[in-house]
Amino acid sequence: MYLLAVVATPYALRLHERHGWRVPVVLALGAVVTDVARFSTGFDALGYVNVVFVWLAVHQLGFFYAEGRLRGAGLLAAGGFGAAALLVAYGPYPGSMIGLPGAEVSNMAPPTLAMLAVGVGQIGLAVLLRPVLMRLPLARLLDWAGPRVMTVYLWHMPALFAVTGVVVVLLGVDTPRPGSVLWFAGWPVWFGLLFLVMWPLLKGFARFEAPPALPYGTAGQGGMLVASGLVGAGVLTLTVGGFAPGAGPFLAVLALLAGLLMTAPRLRA
């Protein structure tokens, strides 16, 4: 979704400048149509069309925020979270907004209308709380955390798997029932263990968030679209099918490598 949003930004901005609020509304309607078709036919793969509709609809709201035109934050928060609650209560959507093993339906992969509603609600809530948040004495913390956010996002699950593997699988420690007193009391311990694993990962990988000063050159529009298409197709194929044996994952890895090679720094003559 990050790749899609970055590549689509120049085109999405032009649509925003020309059509304003009609763009996210049309994208949201596309998400509705996609979900109706997905659930009425039972063809779950059709839901991946919402990678475009759901995430670009949320992305469009960023243009209004950047221009100071994102009004009615309270209404966005109440409407978004309220719509999500109704969709979960009366629709085919699970209450969890992340994918869970064994779940028949995921709100994340592929993204659903419920995920779009939660995204709108979160944006409204963030804008609503912004004046309060800006007054908090967190400047030094944010200066440190900002350049490392993507590293935490990309590596927190491997850290979680490592901690869980050692504690639960290797040591045989049973986890308490979710929502119980022991479950809440164990949070500091789990977060402490995750921090110990995440710290060396941050030290090792956070530097890659800063673009290196290398002779990348200027990519043409065609090359940019081909490279992003190859990488996006590879990531999507691995997301849907995993690293299972077969031609699909092998071709997906080749597509990823080809796309990355197209963006590699050029050698100086």
C-alpha atoms as a PDB file:
ATOM      1  CA  MET A   1       0.000   0.000   0.000  1.00  0.00           C
ATOM      2  CA  TYR A   2       2.935   2.347   0.668  1.00  0.00           C
ATOM      3  CA  LEU A   3       4.364   1.653  -2.769  1.00  0.00           C
ATOM      4  CA  LEU A   4       0.983   2.267  -4.399  1.00  0.00           C
ATOM      5  CA  ALA A   5       0.414   5.513  -2.501  1.00  0.00           C
ATOM      6  CA  VAL A   6       3.876   6.918  -3.273  1.00  0.00           C
ATOM      7  CA  VAL A   7       3.694   6.095  -6.983  1.00  0.00           C
ATOM      8  CA  ALA A   8       0.100   7.357  -7.289  1.00  0.00           C
ATOM      9  CA  THR A   9       0.700  10.633  -5.405  1.00  0.00           C
ATOM     10  CA  PRO A  10       1.314  12.903  -8.458  1.00  0.00           C
ATOM     11  CA  TYR A  11      -1.775  11.542 -10.225  1.00  0.00           C
ATOM     12  CA  ALA A  12      -3.876  11.553  -7.059  1.00  0.00           C
ATOM     13  CA  LEU A  13      -2.879  15.159  -6.365  1.00  0.00           C
ATOM     14  CA  ARG A  14      -4.010  16.249  -9.817  1.00  0.00           C
ATOM     15  CA  LEU A  15      -7.352  14.510  -9.268  1.00  0.00           C
ATOM     16  CA  HIS A  16      -7.649  16.211  -5.889  1.00  0.00           C
ATOM     17  CA  GLU A  17      -6.962  19.651  -7.354  1.00  0.00           C
ATOM     18  CA  ARG A  18      -9.531  19.128 -10.078  1.00  0.00           C
ATOM     19  CA  HIS A  19     -12.314  17.240  -8.289  1.00  0.00           C
ATOM     20  CA  GLY A  20     -11.815  17.736  -4.533  1.00  0.00           C
ATOM     21  CA  TRP A  21     -14.089  15.674  -2.284  1.00  0.00           C
ATOM     22  CA  ARG A  22     -15.550  13.774  -5.214  1.00  0.00           C
ATOM     23  CA  VAL A  23     -12.354  11.693  -5.465  1.00  0.00           C
ATOM     24  CA  PRO A  24     -12.459  10.010  -2.008  1.00  0.00           C
ATOM     25  CA  VAL A  25     -16.228   9.617  -2.339  1.00  0.00           C
ATOM     26  CA  VAL A  26     -15.871   7.763  -5.639  1.00  0.00           C
ATOM     27  CA  LEU A  27     -13.072   5.619  -4.210  1.00  0.00           C
ATOM     28  CA  ALA A  28     -15.257   4.760  -1.194  1.00  0.00           C
ATOM     29  CA  LEU A  29     -18.096   3.786  -3.526  1.00  0.00           C
ATOM     30  CA  GLY A  30     -15.624   1.570  -5.379  1.00  0.00           C
ATOM     31  CA  ALA A  31     -14.840  -0.143  -2.067  1.00  0.00           C
ATOM     32  CA  VAL A  32     -18.556  -0.726  -1.486  1.00  0.00           C
ATOM     33  CA  VAL A  33     -19.035  -2.274  -4.930  1.00  0.00           C
ATOM     34  CA  THR A  34     -15.936  -4.441  -4.500  1.00  0.00           C
ATOM     35  CA  ASP A  35     -17.087  -5.814  -1.141  1.00  0.00           C
ATOM     36  CA  VAL A  36     -20.593  -6.492  -2.424  1.00  0.00           C
ATOM     37  CA  ALA A  37     -19.179  -8.400  -5.394  1.00  0.00           C
ATOM     38  CA  ARG A  38     -16.692 -10.263  -3.183  1.00  0.00           C
ATOM     39  CA  PHE A  39     -19.174 -11.454  -0.585  1.00  0.00           C
ATOM     40  CA  SER A  40     -22.011 -12.150  -3.020  1.00  0.00           C
ATOM     41  CA  THR A  41     -19.826 -14.326  -5.245  1.00  0.00           C
ATOM     42  CA  GLY A  42     -17.594 -15.830  -2.535  1.00  0.00           C
ATOM     43  CA  PHE A  43     -14.539 -14.975  -4.650  1.00  0.00           C
ATOM     44  CA  ASP A  44     -12.232 -13.533  -1.969  1.00  0.00           C
ATOM     45  CA  ALA A  45      -9.417 -12.666  -4.383  1.00  0.00           C
ATOM     46  CA  LEU A  46     -11.706 -10.022  -5.870  1.00  0.00           C
ATOM     47  CA  GLY A  47     -11.319  -8.109  -2.613  1.00  0.00           C
ATOM     48  CA  TYR A  48      -7.735  -7.195  -3.467  1.00  0.00           C
ATOM     49  CA  VAL A  49      -9.113  -4.549  -5.822  1.00  0.00           C
ATOM     50  CA  ASN A  50      -9.733  -2.655  -2.587  1.00  0.00           C
ATOM     51  CA  VAL A  51      -5.978  -2.221  -2.174  1.00  0.00           C
ATOM     52  CA  VAL A  52      -6.592   0.644  -4.600  1.00  0.00           C
ATOM     53  CA  PHE A  53     -10.004   1.866  -3.434  1.00  0.00           C
ATOM     54  CA  VAL A  54      -9.569   1.661   0.362  1.00  0.00           C
ATOM     55  CA  TRP A  55      -6.018   2.898   0.773  1.00  0.00           C
ATOM     56  CA  LEU A  56      -6.159   5.629  -1.861  1.00  0.00           C
ATOM     57  CA  ALA A  57      -9.423   6.910  -0.356  1.00  0.00           C
ATOM     58  CA  VAL A  58      -7.605   7.313   2.972  1.00  0.00           C
ATOM     59  CA  HIS A  59      -4.578   8.756   1.153  1.00  0.00           C
ATOM     60  CA  GLN A  60      -6.749  11.439  -0.448  1.00  0.00           C
ATOM     61  CA  LEU A  61      -7.673  12.835   2.964  1.00  0.00           C
ATOM     62  CA  GLY A  62      -4.002  13.714   3.446  1.00  0.00           C
ATOM     63  CA  PHE A  63      -4.250  16.368   0.735  1.00  0.00           C
ATOM     64  CA  PHE A  64      -7.075  18.109   2.611  1.00  0.00           C
ATOM     65  CA  TYR A  65      -5.093  17.904   5.832  1.00  0.00           C
ATOM     66  CA  ALA A  66      -1.974  19.388   4.182  1.00  0.00           C
ATOM     67  CA  GLU A  67      -4.073  22.281   2.859  1.00  0.00           C
ATOM     68  CA  GLY A  68      -5.761  22.883   6.220  1.00  0.00           C
ATOM     69  CA  ARG A  69      -9.120  21.989   4.702  1.00  0.00           C
ATOM     70  CA  LEU A  70      -9.916  18.839   6.687  1.00  0.00           C
ATOM     71  CA  ARG A  71     -12.934  20.161   8.569  1.00  0.00           C
ATOM     72  CA  GLY A  72     -15.398  18.429  10.851  1.00  0.00           C
ATOM     73  CA  ALA A  73     -12.873  16.190  12.623  1.00  0.00           C
ATOM     74  CA  GLY A  74     -15.441  15.173  15.241  1.00  0.00           C
ATOM     75  CA  LEU A  75     -17.905  14.196  12.548  1.00  0.00           C
ATOM     76  CA  LEU A  76     -15.238  12.178  10.731  1.00  0.00           C
ATOM     77  CA  ALA A  77     -14.318  10.353  13.942  1.00  0.00           C
ATOM     78  CA  ALA A  78     -17.914   9.618  14.951  1.00  0.00           C
ATOM     79  CA  GLY A  79     -18.986   8.736  11.418  1.00  0.00           C
ATOM     80  CA  GLY A  80     -15.989   6.517  10.725  1.00  0.00           C
ATOM     81  CA  PHE A  81     -16.044   4.568  13.975  1.00  0.00           C
ATOM     82  CA  GLY A  82     -19.847   4.438  13.970  1.00  0.00           C
ATOM     83  CA  ALA A  83     -19.931   3.045  10.433  1.00  0.00           C
ATOM     84  CA  ALA A  84     -17.282   0.462  11.346  1.00  0.00           C
ATOM     85  CA  ALA A  85     -19.316  -0.642  14.367  1.00  0.00           C
ATOM     86  CA  LEU A  86     -22.458  -1.029  12.243  1.00  0.00           C
ATOM     87  CA  LEU A  87     -20.578  -2.953   9.545  1.00  0.00           C
ATOM     88  CA  VAL A  88     -19.160  -5.348  12.143  1.00  0.00           C
ATOM     89  CA  ALA A  89     -22.499  -5.741  13.942  1.00  0.00           C
ATOM     90  CA  TYR A  90     -24.704  -6.264  10.890  1.00  0.00           C
ATOM     91  CA  GLY A  91     -22.319  -7.084   8.053  1.00  0.00           C
ATOM     92  CA  PRO A  92     -19.949  -9.912   7.165  1.00  0.00           C
ATOM     93  CA  TYR A  93     -16.955  -8.194   8.758  1.00  0.00           C
ATOM     94  CA  PRO A  94     -15.021  -9.455  11.806  1.00  0.00           C
ATOM     95  CA  GLY A  95     -14.388  -7.180  14.780  1.00  0.00           C
ATOM     96  CA  SER A  96     -10.615  -7.425  14.444  1.00  0.00           C
ATOM     97  CA  MET A  97      -9.086  -4.969  12.000  1.00  0.00           C
ATOM     98  CA  ILE A  98      -5.956  -7.090  11.580  1.00  0.00           C
ATOM     99  CA  GLY A  99      -5.656 -10.504   9.976  1.00  0.00           C
ATOM    100  CA  LEU A 100      -5.942 -13.405  12.409  1.00  0.00           C
ATOM    101  CA  PRO A 101      -4.940 -17.030  11.719  1.00  0.00           C
ATOM    102  CA  GLY A 102      -7.946 -19.205  10.989  1.00  0.00           C
ATOM    103  CA  ALA A 103     -10.350 -16.298  10.487  1.00  0.00           C
ATOM    104  CA  GLU A 104     -12.740 -16.773   7.578  1.00  0.00           C
ATOM    105  CA  VAL A 105     -12.711 -13.068   6.703  1.00  0.00           C
ATOM    106  CA  SER A 106      -9.901 -10.561   7.131  1.00  0.00           C
ATOM    107  CA  ASN A 107     -10.387  -6.803   7.194  1.00  0.00           C
ATOM    108  CA  MET A 108      -6.738  -6.259   6.278  1.00  0.00           C
ATOM    109  CA  ALA A 109      -5.855  -8.706   3.525  1.00  0.00           C
ATOM    110  CA  PRO A 110      -7.736  -7.868   1.425  1.00  0.00           C
ATOM    111  CA  PRO A 111      -8.794  -4.498   2.873  1.00  0.00           C
ATOM    112  CA  THR A 112     -12.515  -3.986   3.368  1.00  0.00           C
ATOM    113  CA  LEU A 113     -15.042  -1.206   3.716  1.00  0.00           C
ATOM    114  CA  ALA A 114     -14.832  -1.694   7.493  1.00  0.00           C
ATOM    115  CA  MET A 115     -11.105  -0.948   7.347  1.00  0.00           C
ATOM    116  CA  LEU A 116     -11.829   2.224   5.374  1.00  0.00           C
ATOM    117  CA  ALA A 117     -14.362   3.301   7.999  1.00  0.00           C
ATOM    118  CA  VAL A 118     -11.848   2.751  10.807  1.00  0.00           C
ATOM    119  CA  GLY A 119      -9.206   4.681   8.845  1.00  0.00           C
ATOM    120  CA  VAL A 120     -11.539   7.664   8.448  1.00  0.00           C
ATOM    121  CA  GLY A 121     -12.398   7.491  12.144  1.00  0.00           C
ATOM    122  CA  GLN A 122      -8.738   7.399  13.151  1.00  0.00           C
ATOM    123  CA  ILE A 123      -7.914  10.399  10.966  1.00  0.00           C
ATOM    124  CA  GLY A 124     -10.808  12.357  12.450  1.00  0.00           C
ATOM    125  CA  LEU A 125      -9.717  11.444  15.984  1.00  0.00           C
ATOM    126  CA  ALA A 126      -6.087  12.406  15.292  1.00  0.00           C
ATOM    127  CA  VAL A 127      -7.098  15.810  13.889  1.00  0.00           C
ATOM    128  CA  LEU A 128      -9.501  16.328  16.791  1.00  0.00           C
ATOM    129  CA  LEU A 129      -6.759  15.640  19.346  1.00  0.00           C
ATOM    130  CA  ARG A 130      -4.022  17.487  17.453  1.00  0.00           C
ATOM    131  CA  PRO A 131      -4.205  20.750  19.489  1.00  0.00           C
ATOM    132  CA  VAL A 132      -3.843  18.771  22.737  1.00  0.00           C
ATOM    133  CA  LEU A 133      -1.063  16.564  21.370  1.00  0.00           C
ATOM    134  CA  MET A 134       0.902  19.547  20.086  1.00  0.00           C
ATOM    135  CA  ARG A 135       1.050  20.982  23.620  1.00  0.00           C
ATOM    136  CA  LEU A 136       2.590  17.840  25.123  1.00  0.00           C
ATOM    137  CA  PRO A 137       6.349  18.047  25.888  1.00  0.00           C
ATOM    138  CA  LEU A 138       7.252  15.274  23.460  1.00  0.00           C
ATOM    139  CA  ALA A 139       9.453  17.095  20.961  1.00  0.00           C
ATOM    140  CA  ARG A 140      12.672  15.250  21.872  1.00  0.00           C
ATOM    141  CA  LEU A 141      10.931  11.878  21.898  1.00  0.00           C
ATOM    142  CA  LEU A 142       9.328  12.512  18.509  1.00  0.00           C
ATOM    143  CA  ASP A 143      12.604  13.764  17.036  1.00  0.00           C
ATOM    144  CA  TRP A 144      14.145  10.421  18.027  1.00  0.00           C
ATOM    145  CA  ALA A 145      11.196   8.224  17.065  1.00  0.00           C
ATOM    146  CA  GLY A 146      10.270   9.861  13.752  1.00  0.00           C
ATOM    147  CA  PRO A 147      13.240   8.542  11.709  1.00  0.00           C
ATOM    148  CA  ARG A 148      12.728   5.046  13.164  1.00  0.00           C
ATOM    149  CA  VAL A 149       8.972   4.548  12.808  1.00  0.00           C
ATOM    150  CA  MET A 150       9.138   2.503   9.618  1.00  0.00           C
ATOM    151  CA  THR A 151      11.847   0.266  11.070  1.00  0.00           C
ATOM    152  CA  VAL A 152       9.630  -0.498  14.076  1.00  0.00           C
ATOM    153  CA  TYR A 153       6.689  -1.161  11.767  1.00  0.00           C
ATOM    154  CA  LEU A 154       8.638  -3.559   9.566  1.00  0.00           C
ATOM    155  CA  TRP A 155      10.422  -5.450  12.345  1.00  0.00           C
ATOM    156  CA  HIS A 156       7.988  -5.591  15.265  1.00  0.00           C
ATOM    157  CA  MET A 157       6.414  -8.850  14.068  1.00  0.00           C
ATOM    158  CA  PRO A 158       9.737 -10.736  13.719  1.00  0.00           C
ATOM    159  CA  ALA A 159      10.582  -9.480  17.222  1.00  0.00           C
ATOM    160  CA  LEU A 160       7.220 -10.726  18.481  1.00  0.00           C
ATOM    161  CA  PHE A 161       7.744 -14.130  16.856  1.00  0.00           C
ATOM    162  CA  ALA A 162      11.195 -14.399  18.427  1.00  0.00           C
ATOM    163  CA  VAL A 163       9.948 -13.573  21.935  1.00  0.00           C
ATOM    164  CA  THR A 164       6.898 -15.820  21.602  1.00  0.00           C
ATOM    165  CA  GLY A 165       8.994 -18.662  20.219  1.00  0.00           C
ATOM    166  CA  VAL A 166      11.412 -18.568  23.140  1.00  0.00           C
ATOM    167  CA  VAL A 167       8.865 -17.997  25.928  1.00  0.00           C
ATOM    168  CA  VAL A 168       5.939 -20.103  24.724  1.00  0.00           C
ATOM    169  CA  VAL A 169       7.500 -22.773  22.513  1.00  0.00           C
ATOM    170  CA  LEU A 170      10.977 -23.244  23.974  1.00  0.00           C
ATOM    171  CA  LEU A 171      10.270 -22.568  27.664  1.00  0.00           C
ATOM    172  CA  GLY A 172       6.676 -23.850  27.577  1.00  0.00           C
ATOM    173  CA  VAL A 173       5.169 -20.855  29.413  1.00  0.00           C
ATOM    174  CA  ASP A 174       1.398 -20.697  28.917  1.00  0.00           C
ATOM    175  CA  THR A 175      -0.089 -17.303  28.069  1.00  0.00           C
ATOM    176  CA  PRO A 176      -2.975 -16.158  30.294  1.00  0.00           C
ATOM    177  CA  ARG A 177      -6.531 -15.829  29.067  1.00  0.00           C
ATOM    178  CA  PRO A 178      -7.007 -12.560  27.089  1.00  0.00           C
ATOM    179  CA  GLY A 179      -8.673  -9.907  29.204  1.00  0.00           C
ATOM    180  CA  SER A 180      -7.804 -11.549  32.522  1.00  0.00           C
ATOM    181  CA  VAL A 181      -5.931  -9.836  35.364  1.00  0.00           C
ATOM    182  CA  LEU A 182      -2.767 -11.811  34.597  1.00  0.00           C
ATOM    183  CA  TRP A 183      -3.071 -10.878  30.936  1.00  0.00           C
ATOM    184  CA  PHE A 184      -3.057  -7.160  31.759  1.00  0.00           C
ATOM    185  CA  ALA A 185      -0.403  -7.582  34.460  1.00  0.00           C
ATOM    186  CA  GLY A 186       1.898  -9.311  31.973  1.00  0.00           C
ATOM    187  CA  TRP A 187       1.956  -6.402  29.523  1.00  0.00           C
ATOM    188  CA  PRO A 188       5.048  -4.714  31.048  1.00  0.00           C
ATOM    189  CA  VAL A 189       6.953  -8.003  30.932  1.00  0.00           C
ATOM    190  CA  TRP A 190       6.047  -8.678  27.303  1.00  0.00           C
ATOM    191  CA  PHE A 191       6.832  -5.112  26.248  1.00  0.00           C
ATOM    192  CA  GLY A 192      10.147  -5.298  28.089  1.00  0.00           C
ATOM    193  CA  LEU A 193      11.107  -8.503  26.291  1.00  0.00           C
ATOM    194  CA  LEU A 194      10.015  -7.067  22.933  1.00  0.00           C
ATOM    195  CA  PHE A 195      12.087  -3.954  23.614  1.00  0.00           C
ATOM    196  CA  LEU A 196      15.177  -6.059  24.251  1.00  0.00           C
ATOM    197  CA  VAL A 197      14.740  -7.749  20.852  1.00  0.00           C
ATOM    198  CA  MET A 198      13.737  -4.579  18.993  1.00  0.00           C
ATOM    199  CA  TRP A 199      16.667  -2.489  20.234  1.00  0.00           C
ATOM    200  CA  PRO A 200      19.400  -4.260  18.217  1.00  0.00           C
ATOM    201  CA  LEU A 201      17.057  -4.353  15.215  1.00  0.00           C
ATOM    202  CA  LEU A 202      16.631  -0.588  15.479  1.00  0.00           C
ATOM    203  CA  LYS A 203      20.371  -0.094  15.799  1.00  0.00           C
ATOM    204  CA  GLY A 204      20.999  -2.245  12.737  1.00  0.00           C
ATOM    205  CA  PHE A 205      18.255  -1.183  10.336  1.00  0.00           C
ATOM    206  CA  ALA A 206      17.083   2.355  11.212  1.00  0.00           C
ATOM    207  CA  ARG A 207      19.869   3.879   9.117  1.00  0.00           C
ATOM    208  CA  PHE A 208      18.202   2.550   5.966  1.00  0.00           C
ATOM    209  CA  GLU A 209      15.295   4.964   6.457  1.00  0.00           C
ATOM    210  CA  ALA A 210      17.565   7.817   5.357  1.00  0.00           C
ATOM    211  CA  PRO A 211      17.999   7.751   1.542  1.00  0.00           C
ATOM    212  CA  PRO A 212      21.681   7.286   0.693  1.00  0.00           C
ATOM    213  CA  ALA A 213      23.484   9.869  -1.390  1.00  0.00           C
ATOM    214  CA  LEU A 214      23.971   7.605  -4.395  1.00  0.00           C
ATOM    215  CA  PRO A 215      23.838   8.348  -8.151  1.00  0.00           C
ATOM    216  CA  TYR A 216      20.309   7.086  -8.737  1.00  0.00           C
ATOM    217  CA  GLY A 217      19.721   9.357 -11.696  1.00  0.00           C
ATOM    218  CA  THR A 218      16.257  10.392 -12.833  1.00  0.00           C
ATOM    219  CA  ALA A 219      13.835   7.583 -13.612  1.00  0.00           C
ATOM    220  CA  GLY A 220      11.489   8.120 -16.502  1.00  0.00           C
ATOM    221  CA  GLN A 221       7.759   7.786 -16.028  1.00  0.00           C
ATOM    222  CA  GLY A 222       7.641   4.482 -17.893  1.00  0.00           C
ATOM    223  CA  GLY A 223      10.512   2.966 -15.935  1.00  0.00           C
ATOM    224  CA  MET A 224       8.995   4.111 -12.647  1.00  0.00           C
ATOM    225  CA  LEU A 225       5.650   2.515 -13.440  1.00  0.00           C
ATOM    226  CA  VAL A 226       7.231  -0.744 -14.635  1.00  0.00           C
ATOM    227  CA  ALA A 227       9.489  -1.013 -11.556  1.00  0.00           C
ATOM    228  CA  SER A 228       6.661  -0.269  -9.134  1.00  0.00           C
ATOM    229  CA  GLY A 229       4.381  -2.674 -11.001  1.00  0.00           C
ATOM    230  CA  LEU A 230       6.920  -5.494 -10.730  1.00  0.00           C
ATOM    231  CA  VAL A 231       7.590  -4.894  -7.030  1.00  0.00           C
ATOM    232  CA  GLY A 232       3.894  -4.444  -6.259  1.00  0.00           C
ATOM    233  CA  ALA A 233       2.922  -7.612  -8.116  1.00  0.00           C
ATOM    234  CA  GLY A 234       5.653  -9.545  -6.344  1.00  0.00           C
ATOM    235  CA  VAL A 235       4.623  -8.319  -2.896  1.00  0.00           C
ATOM    236  CA  LEU A 236       0.926  -8.966  -3.580  1.00  0.00           C
ATOM    237  CA  THR A 237       1.638 -12.498  -4.843  1.00  0.00           C
ATOM    238  CA  LEU A 238       3.647 -13.319  -1.724  1.00  0.00           C
ATOM    239  CA  THR A 239       0.973 -11.728   0.472  1.00  0.00           C
ATOM    240  CA  VAL A 240      -1.757 -13.903  -0.998  1.00  0.00           C
ATOM    241  CA  GLY A 241       0.143 -17.149  -1.537  1.00  0.00           C
ATOM    242  CA  GLY A 242       3.068 -16.936   0.875  1.00  0.00           C
ATOM    243  CA  PHE A 243       6.380 -18.709   0.238  1.00  0.00           C
ATOM    244  CA  ALA A 244       4.688 -22.008  -0.555  1.00  0.00           C
ATOM    245  CA  PRO A 245       6.370 -24.319  -3.082  1.00  0.00           C
ATOM    246  CA  GLY A 246       5.455 -23.617  -6.672  1.00  0.00           C
ATOM    247  CA  ALA A 247       6.011 -21.265  -9.559  1.00  0.00           C
ATOM    248  CA  GLY A 248       4.050 -18.345  -8.059  1.00  0.00           C
ATOM    249  CA  PRO A 249       6.431 -17.439  -5.202  1.00  0.00           C
ATOM    250  CA  PHE A 250       9.477 -18.052  -7.436  1.00  0.00           C
ATOM    251  CA  LEU A 251       8.155 -15.643 -10.072  1.00  0.00           C
ATOM    252  CA  ALA A 252       7.167 -13.176  -7.361  1.00  0.00           C
ATOM    253  CA  VAL A 253      10.731 -13.072  -6.024  1.00  0.00           C
ATOM    254  CA  LEU A 254      12.073 -12.606  -9.560  1.00  0.00           C
ATOM    255  CA  ALA A 255       9.638  -9.718 -10.090  1.00  0.00           C
ATOM    256  CA  LEU A 256      10.778  -8.121  -6.827  1.00  0.00           C
ATOM    257  CA  LEU A 257      14.439  -8.419  -7.750  1.00  0.00           C
ATOM    258  CA  ALA A 258      13.815  -7.054 -11.252  1.00  0.00           C
ATOM    259  CA  GLY A 259      11.958  -4.040  -9.897  1.00  0.00           C
ATOM    260  CA  LEU A 260      14.663  -3.335  -7.330  1.00  0.00           C
ATOM    261  CA  LEU A 261      17.411  -3.645  -9.926  1.00  0.00           C
ATOM    262  CA  MET A 262      15.621  -1.069 -12.077  1.00  0.00           C
ATOM    263  CA  THR A 263      15.950   1.428  -9.213  1.00  0.00           C
ATOM    264  CA  ALA A 264      19.532   0.539  -8.254  1.00  0.00           C
ATOM    265  CA  PRO A 265      22.170   3.278  -8.273  1.00  0.00           C
ATOM    266  CA  ARG A 266      23.833   3.753 -11.638  1.00  0.00           C
ATOM    267  CA  LEU A 267      27.533   3.172 -11.953  1.00  0.00           C
ATOM    268  CA  ARG A 268      29.581   6.195 -12.780  1.00  0.00           C
ATOM    269  CA  ALA A 269      31.403   6.109 -16.099  1.00  0.00           C
END
